[in-house]
Amino acid sequence: MQLHILEIAKKIASLHEGLCALHQAFSETSKVEMAHREQLQSLLAQATELHTALLDNASIDKLTEEEEKSGSDKEVILIVEDDDAVRQLLKQHFESGQIEVREAVSAEEALRIAEESIPDLIISDVVMNGMDGYTLCKVFKTRNATSHIPIILLTAKNELEDKLQGLEVGADDYIHKPFNVKEISARVRNLLLQRKALREAFFRQLTQVPTSAAQPTVPKEDPFLTKVRTTLEKHLSDETYTVDRLAFDVFLSRVQLFRKLKSLVGLSPLEFISSIRLGRAAELLQEGRMSVAEVCITVGFGTNYSYFSKRFKERFGVSPSEFASKSVKK
């Protein structure tokens, strides 16, 4: 028993590049005395406490400078327009304490800015030198990092065929020039509100307590969220799986993943990973075929049961054992 405790303590220490050793002389018939047992148990408690503290720090994570900038509460609108007067008119109208406006004078510049900043909405002219707005919209809607962004196309063309072309490449709205500033403002506001409603719906869907009861109708999950969820489930038991690895696996930079998940579900990547782990833990506890310790390991918390219990209670309001007990009674 005592040597088993020492092995656990050594394992925890080695995880953090530390060293743990017991110095004791043994005879062939000697036994570990009670004092040694208490020392080992105290050592294990200290090591577990240290491990929990380190995991707490990891869960908070040190955001990169780019993520801190991306984490602003301001919504970001990218305006793509090669007419200086129109671009400045739109910028002056939308820029405020709640909205940050970024500008591009060409589709090529817009692609670079959007890939870096992942805006909340894009307003683009159709007729531009080089790549036109239709092609730009199609590229945005097919790229992993930008596929979710609402796009409004502006054009002087007023033919039905032109509008259909815009809708076919994935545009969310289509406004004719010359436009009324109040009209475009209303269209922008509606699209941002729709995105907010979807974000809240996805958040509720992701964080609700699993139940067998009939659920209210929810929107179909965004394909990107499905991809991220599926990727995480493949690595669910791996407690070393990081945000950087997740970003790599879904073909995004860390900052792009941060911005996209914030936009889609209102969670940072770390919060998203934790939510998936805890949600699966609740499902397993409801099934009742695993102990709390087994569930803890299965969902990627390793053998740090106290940390798992702490996070689980923060999410569901009860400890894992209490949650399992209530599920059995139901």
Protein backbone atom coordinates (compact mmCIF):
# COMPACT_ATOMS: atom_id res chain seq x y z
CA MET A 1 0.00 0.00 0.00
CA GLN A 2 2.72 2.42 1.01
CA LEU A 3 4.86 1.69 -2.03
CA HIS A 4 1.81 2.12 -4.25
CA ILE A 5 1.31 5.60 -2.77
CA LEU A 6 4.96 6.40 -3.42
CA GLU A 7 4.61 5.30 -7.06
CA ILE A 8 1.62 7.62 -7.51
CA ALA A 9 3.53 10.50 -5.92
CA LYS A 10 6.52 9.81 -8.18
CA LYS A 11 4.27 9.73 -11.24
CA ILE A 12 2.72 13.09 -10.37
CA ALA A 13 6.15 14.60 -9.74
CA SER A 14 7.50 13.26 -13.04
CA LEU A 15 4.60 14.80 -14.95
CA HIS A 16 5.95 18.17 -13.89
CA GLU A 17 9.61 17.27 -14.33
CA GLY A 18 10.12 16.91 -10.60
CA LEU A 19 11.76 14.22 -8.48
CA CYS A 20 10.27 12.18 -5.68
CA ALA A 21 12.16 9.54 -3.71
CA LEU A 22 11.92 7.65 -0.41
CA HIS A 23 15.17 7.05 1.46
CA GLN A 24 14.86 4.15 3.88
CA ALA A 25 16.95 1.16 4.81
CA PHE A 26 15.11 -2.17 4.61
CA SER A 27 15.94 -5.53 6.04
CA GLU A 28 14.41 -8.62 4.43
CA THR A 29 11.66 -8.68 7.04
CA SER A 30 11.23 -5.01 7.80
CA LYS A 31 7.95 -3.15 7.26
CA VAL A 32 7.29 0.49 6.54
CA GLU A 33 6.54 2.09 9.86
CA MET A 34 3.46 4.19 10.53
CA ALA A 35 5.57 7.37 10.49
CA HIS A 36 6.70 6.59 6.99
CA ARG A 37 3.13 5.87 5.94
CA GLU A 38 2.00 9.25 7.26
CA GLN A 39 4.90 10.97 5.53
CA LEU A 40 4.02 9.30 2.23
CA GLN A 41 0.35 10.16 2.56
CA SER A 42 1.26 13.77 3.35
CA LEU A 43 3.59 13.82 0.35
CA LEU A 44 0.85 12.47 -1.91
CA ALA A 45 -1.61 15.08 -0.63
CA GLN A 46 0.91 17.87 -1.30
CA ALA A 47 1.68 16.50 -4.77
CA THR A 48 -2.04 16.23 -5.60
CA GLU A 49 -2.63 19.78 -4.34
CA LEU A 50 0.23 21.03 -6.53
CA HIS A 51 -1.11 19.11 -9.53
CA THR A 52 -4.57 20.62 -9.02
CA ALA A 53 -3.11 24.12 -8.77
CA LEU A 54 -1.18 23.59 -11.99
CA LEU A 55 -4.29 22.32 -13.75
CA ASP A 56 -6.21 25.36 -12.50
CA ASN A 57 -3.58 27.60 -14.04
CA ALA A 58 -3.69 25.57 -17.27
CA SER A 59 -7.46 25.88 -17.45
CA ILE A 60 -7.21 29.66 -17.19
CA ASP A 61 -4.37 29.63 -19.72
CA LYS A 62 -2.22 32.57 -20.64
CA LEU A 63 -3.83 34.13 -23.67
CA THR A 64 -1.54 35.24 -26.41
CA GLU A 65 -1.40 38.94 -27.19
CA GLU A 66 -3.42 38.30 -30.35
CA GLU A 67 -6.08 36.38 -28.39
CA GLU A 68 -6.38 39.18 -25.85
CA LYS A 69 -7.04 41.60 -28.70
CA SER A 70 -9.48 39.14 -30.26
CA GLY A 71 -11.28 38.69 -26.96
CA SER A 72 -12.63 42.25 -27.02
CA ASP A 73 -16.38 42.63 -26.52
CA LYS A 74 -16.52 44.85 -29.61
CA GLU A 75 -18.04 43.39 -32.76
CA VAL A 76 -15.80 43.68 -35.81
CA ILE A 77 -17.12 44.70 -39.25
CA LEU A 78 -14.89 44.45 -42.29
CA ILE A 79 -15.76 46.86 -45.13
CA VAL A 80 -14.39 45.89 -48.56
CA GLU A 81 -14.82 48.83 -50.94
CA ASP A 82 -12.46 50.46 -53.43
CA ASP A 83 -14.44 53.72 -53.53
CA ASP A 84 -12.88 55.86 -50.79
CA ALA A 85 -15.98 58.02 -50.28
CA VAL A 86 -18.34 55.04 -49.84
CA ARG A 87 -15.89 53.21 -47.59
CA GLN A 88 -15.42 56.24 -45.34
CA LEU A 89 -19.18 56.85 -45.20
CA LEU A 90 -19.78 53.30 -43.99
CA LYS A 91 -16.89 53.42 -41.55
CA GLN A 92 -18.04 56.67 -39.96
CA HIS A 93 -21.58 55.36 -39.68
CA PHE A 94 -20.77 52.02 -38.03
CA GLU A 95 -17.68 52.72 -35.93
CA SER A 96 -18.66 53.16 -32.27
CA GLY A 97 -17.95 51.97 -28.76
CA GLN A 98 -19.56 48.62 -29.61
CA ILE A 99 -18.31 48.16 -33.19
CA GLU A 100 -14.78 48.21 -34.59
CA VAL A 101 -14.49 48.79 -38.33
CA ARG A 102 -11.67 47.43 -40.45
CA GLU A 103 -11.14 48.44 -44.07
CA ALA A 104 -9.92 46.81 -47.27
CA VAL A 105 -9.70 48.41 -50.72
CA SER A 106 -9.47 45.09 -52.58
CA ALA A 107 -10.64 41.50 -52.28
CA GLU A 108 -7.05 40.33 -51.88
CA GLU A 109 -6.48 42.67 -48.93
CA ALA A 110 -9.83 41.60 -47.45
CA LEU A 111 -8.79 37.94 -47.52
CA ARG A 112 -5.65 38.71 -45.53
CA ILE A 113 -7.45 40.86 -42.95
CA ALA A 114 -10.31 38.39 -42.51
CA GLU A 115 -7.97 35.43 -42.06
CA GLU A 116 -6.12 37.34 -39.33
CA SER A 117 -9.01 38.94 -37.44
CA ILE A 118 -12.09 36.75 -38.20
CA PRO A 119 -14.63 39.64 -38.29
CA ASP A 120 -18.22 39.28 -37.13
CA LEU A 121 -19.65 40.61 -40.41
CA ILE A 122 -18.38 41.60 -43.86
CA ILE A 123 -19.76 44.27 -46.20
CA SER A 124 -18.29 44.00 -49.69
CA ASP A 125 -18.75 45.79 -52.99
CA VAL A 126 -19.31 43.48 -55.96
CA VAL A 127 -17.42 45.40 -58.67
CA MET A 128 -13.74 45.86 -57.76
CA ASN A 129 -10.42 45.71 -59.55
CA GLY A 130 -9.01 42.20 -59.48
CA MET A 131 -11.18 39.65 -57.69
CA ASP A 132 -14.83 40.69 -57.63
CA GLY A 133 -17.23 40.51 -54.70
CA TYR A 134 -18.95 37.33 -55.89
CA THR A 135 -15.67 35.43 -56.01
CA LEU A 136 -14.59 36.90 -52.69
CA CYS A 137 -17.84 35.79 -51.07
CA LYS A 138 -17.43 32.27 -52.45
CA VAL A 139 -13.87 32.08 -51.11
CA PHE A 140 -14.94 33.30 -47.67
CA LYS A 141 -17.78 30.77 -47.50
CA THR A 142 -15.53 27.85 -48.42
CA ARG A 143 -12.59 28.64 -46.12
CA ASN A 144 -12.49 26.98 -42.74
CA ALA A 145 -11.74 30.14 -40.78
CA THR A 146 -14.36 32.40 -42.38
CA SER A 147 -17.23 30.16 -43.53
CA HIS A 148 -19.52 31.26 -40.67
CA ILE A 149 -19.23 35.04 -41.24
CA PRO A 150 -22.37 36.84 -42.52
CA ILE A 151 -21.70 38.73 -45.77
CA ILE A 152 -23.61 41.65 -47.31
CA LEU A 153 -22.90 42.38 -50.97
CA LEU A 154 -23.27 45.93 -52.36
CA THR A 155 -23.84 46.48 -56.07
CA ALA A 156 -25.15 49.00 -58.58
CA LYS A 157 -26.52 46.10 -60.64
CA ASN A 158 -30.23 45.73 -60.14
CA GLU A 159 -31.03 42.68 -62.23
CA LEU A 160 -32.59 39.57 -60.68
CA GLU A 161 -29.81 37.42 -62.17
CA ASP A 162 -27.21 39.47 -60.32
CA LYS A 163 -29.00 39.04 -56.99
CA LEU A 164 -29.38 35.30 -57.58
CA GLN A 165 -25.68 35.05 -58.35
CA GLY A 166 -24.88 36.70 -55.04
CA LEU A 167 -27.16 34.34 -53.14
CA GLU A 168 -25.74 31.33 -54.95
CA VAL A 169 -22.21 32.10 -53.73
CA GLY A 170 -23.45 32.28 -50.14
CA ALA A 171 -24.19 35.98 -49.57
CA ASP A 172 -26.46 36.54 -46.57
CA ASP A 173 -27.92 39.79 -47.91
CA TYR A 174 -27.78 41.87 -51.06
CA ILE A 175 -28.18 45.69 -51.18
CA HIS A 176 -28.40 47.89 -54.24
CA LYS A 177 -26.48 51.12 -54.74
CA PRO A 178 -27.19 53.90 -54.07
CA PHE A 179 -28.21 52.62 -50.66
CA ASN A 180 -29.91 54.27 -47.72
CA VAL A 181 -27.65 54.33 -44.66
CA LYS A 182 -30.59 53.54 -42.37
CA GLU A 183 -31.49 50.51 -44.49
CA ILE A 184 -27.99 49.05 -44.50
CA SER A 185 -27.75 49.75 -40.75
CA ALA A 186 -30.96 47.77 -40.16
CA ARG A 187 -29.71 44.89 -42.31
CA VAL A 188 -26.42 44.78 -40.41
CA ARG A 189 -28.18 44.90 -37.06
CA ASN A 190 -30.52 42.04 -38.05
CA LEU A 191 -27.66 39.82 -39.21
CA LEU A 192 -25.69 40.45 -36.01
CA LEU A 193 -28.77 39.70 -33.90
CA GLN A 194 -29.34 36.48 -35.84
CA ARG A 195 -25.74 35.47 -35.22
CA LYS A 196 -26.13 36.28 -31.52
CA ALA A 197 -29.30 34.17 -31.28
CA LEU A 198 -27.54 31.25 -32.96
CA ARG A 199 -24.55 31.64 -30.62
CA GLU A 200 -26.83 31.53 -27.57
CA ALA A 201 -28.70 28.51 -28.94
CA PHE A 202 -25.45 26.62 -29.62
CA PHE A 203 -24.20 27.58 -26.14
CA ARG A 204 -27.34 26.21 -24.46
CA GLN A 205 -27.16 23.07 -26.55
CA LEU A 206 -23.53 22.55 -25.57
CA THR A 207 -23.83 23.31 -21.85
CA GLN A 208 -27.24 21.91 -20.89
CA VAL A 209 -27.46 18.93 -18.55
CA PRO A 210 -27.87 15.75 -20.63
CA THR A 211 -31.38 14.34 -20.30
CA SER A 212 -33.54 11.73 -21.94
CA ALA A 213 -36.55 14.07 -21.88
CA ALA A 214 -37.72 15.70 -25.10
CA GLN A 215 -35.69 18.81 -25.87
CA PRO A 216 -36.99 22.02 -27.43
CA THR A 217 -36.19 22.50 -31.10
CA VAL A 218 -32.64 23.74 -31.58
CA PRO A 219 -30.90 24.87 -34.78
CA LYS A 220 -28.80 22.37 -36.65
CA GLU A 221 -25.27 22.49 -35.30
CA ASP A 222 -22.76 24.42 -37.37
CA PRO A 223 -20.59 21.99 -39.42
CA PHE A 224 -17.44 23.48 -37.93
CA LEU A 225 -18.66 22.87 -34.37
CA THR A 226 -19.46 19.30 -35.35
CA LYS A 227 -15.93 18.92 -36.71
CA VAL A 228 -14.35 20.32 -33.54
CA ARG A 229 -16.57 18.16 -31.33
CA THR A 230 -15.73 15.01 -33.33
CA THR A 231 -12.02 15.81 -33.16
CA LEU A 232 -12.17 16.29 -29.39
CA GLU A 233 -14.08 13.06 -28.86
CA LYS A 234 -11.27 11.16 -30.58
CA HIS A 235 -8.85 12.50 -27.94
CA LEU A 236 -11.25 12.66 -25.01
CA SER A 237 -9.22 10.47 -22.65
CA ASP A 238 -5.94 12.24 -23.47
CA GLU A 239 -5.37 14.69 -20.61
CA THR A 240 -2.41 16.21 -22.49
CA TYR A 241 -4.54 17.30 -25.47
CA THR A 242 -4.02 21.06 -25.85
CA VAL A 243 -5.61 24.01 -27.64
CA ASP A 244 -2.62 24.13 -29.99
CA ARG A 245 -3.17 20.50 -30.99
CA LEU A 246 -6.88 21.10 -31.52
CA ALA A 247 -6.17 24.13 -33.72
CA PHE A 248 -3.70 22.07 -35.75
CA ASP A 249 -6.20 19.23 -36.14
CA VAL A 250 -8.93 21.53 -37.50
CA PHE A 251 -6.48 23.41 -39.77
CA LEU A 252 -6.63 26.80 -38.03
CA SER A 253 -4.18 28.94 -36.13
CA ARG A 254 -4.72 29.22 -32.39
CA VAL A 255 -6.02 32.79 -32.75
CA GLN A 256 -8.38 31.82 -35.60
CA LEU A 257 -9.78 28.99 -33.49
CA PHE A 258 -10.24 31.37 -30.56
CA ARG A 259 -12.10 33.94 -32.66
CA LYS A 260 -14.24 31.39 -34.49
CA LEU A 261 -15.39 29.52 -31.37
CA LYS A 262 -16.08 32.82 -29.59
CA SER A 263 -18.22 33.88 -32.55
CA LEU A 264 -20.06 30.58 -32.92
CA VAL A 265 -20.68 29.54 -29.33
CA GLY A 266 -19.31 32.26 -27.05
CA LEU A 267 -16.62 30.03 -25.54
CA SER A 268 -12.83 30.07 -25.75
CA PRO A 269 -11.18 26.85 -26.99
CA LEU A 270 -10.26 25.87 -23.42
CA GLU A 271 -13.82 26.43 -22.25
CA PHE A 272 -15.10 24.46 -25.22
CA ILE A 273 -12.79 21.51 -24.48
CA SER A 274 -13.81 21.53 -20.81
CA SER A 275 -17.49 21.70 -21.74
CA ILE A 276 -17.21 18.67 -24.03
CA ARG A 277 -15.32 16.68 -21.36
CA LEU A 278 -17.79 17.53 -18.59
CA GLY A 279 -20.81 16.94 -20.81
CA ARG A 280 -19.55 13.46 -21.69
CA ALA A 281 -18.78 12.82 -18.02
CA ALA A 282 -22.40 13.62 -17.12
CA GLU A 283 -23.64 11.23 -19.82
CA LEU A 284 -21.43 8.41 -18.53
CA LEU A 285 -22.50 9.00 -14.93
CA GLN A 286 -26.15 8.90 -15.99
CA GLU A 287 -25.59 5.56 -17.72
CA GLY A 288 -24.33 4.20 -14.40
CA ARG A 289 -21.90 1.67 -15.86
CA MET A 290 -18.73 3.41 -14.62
CA SER A 291 -17.49 4.62 -11.27
CA VAL A 292 -16.66 8.28 -10.78
CA ALA A 293 -12.96 7.42 -10.92
CA GLU A 294 -13.36 5.57 -14.22
CA VAL A 295 -15.34 8.45 -15.72
CA CYS A 296 -12.68 10.91 -14.56
CA ILE A 297 -10.00 9.01 -16.49
CA THR A 298 -12.23 8.39 -19.53
CA VAL A 299 -12.98 12.08 -20.11
CA GLY A 300 -9.38 13.26 -19.82
CA PHE A 301 -8.89 14.36 -16.21
CA GLY A 302 -6.48 11.52 -15.49
CA THR A 303 -6.36 10.46 -11.85
CA ASN A 304 -6.90 13.94 -10.43
CA TYR A 305 -10.32 13.20 -8.98
CA SER A 306 -10.46 16.31 -6.78
CA TYR A 307 -9.89 18.60 -9.77
CA PHE A 308 -12.52 16.72 -11.80
CA SER A 309 -15.00 16.99 -8.94
CA LYS A 310 -14.33 20.71 -8.59
CA ARG A 311 -14.91 21.42 -12.29
CA PHE A 312 -17.95 19.14 -12.44
CA LYS A 313 -19.59 20.89 -9.48
CA GLU A 314 -18.90 24.30 -11.04
CA ARG A 315 -20.73 23.15 -14.17
CA PHE A 316 -23.64 21.12 -12.77
CA GLY A 317 -23.98 22.40 -9.21
CA VAL A 318 -23.39 18.99 -7.57
CA SER A 319 -20.45 16.64 -7.19
CA PRO A 320 -20.04 13.75 -9.66
CA SER A 321 -21.09 11.20 -7.02
CA GLU A 322 -24.21 13.22 -6.15
CA PHE A 323 -25.04 13.57 -9.84
CA ALA A 324 -24.65 9.82 -10.37
CA SER A 325 -26.78 9.05 -7.30
CA LYS A 326 -29.61 11.32 -8.49
CA SER A 327 -29.47 9.77 -11.94
CA VAL A 328 -29.81 6.26 -10.49
CA LYS A 329 -32.82 7.33 -8.40
CA LYS A 330 -34.51 8.81 -11.47
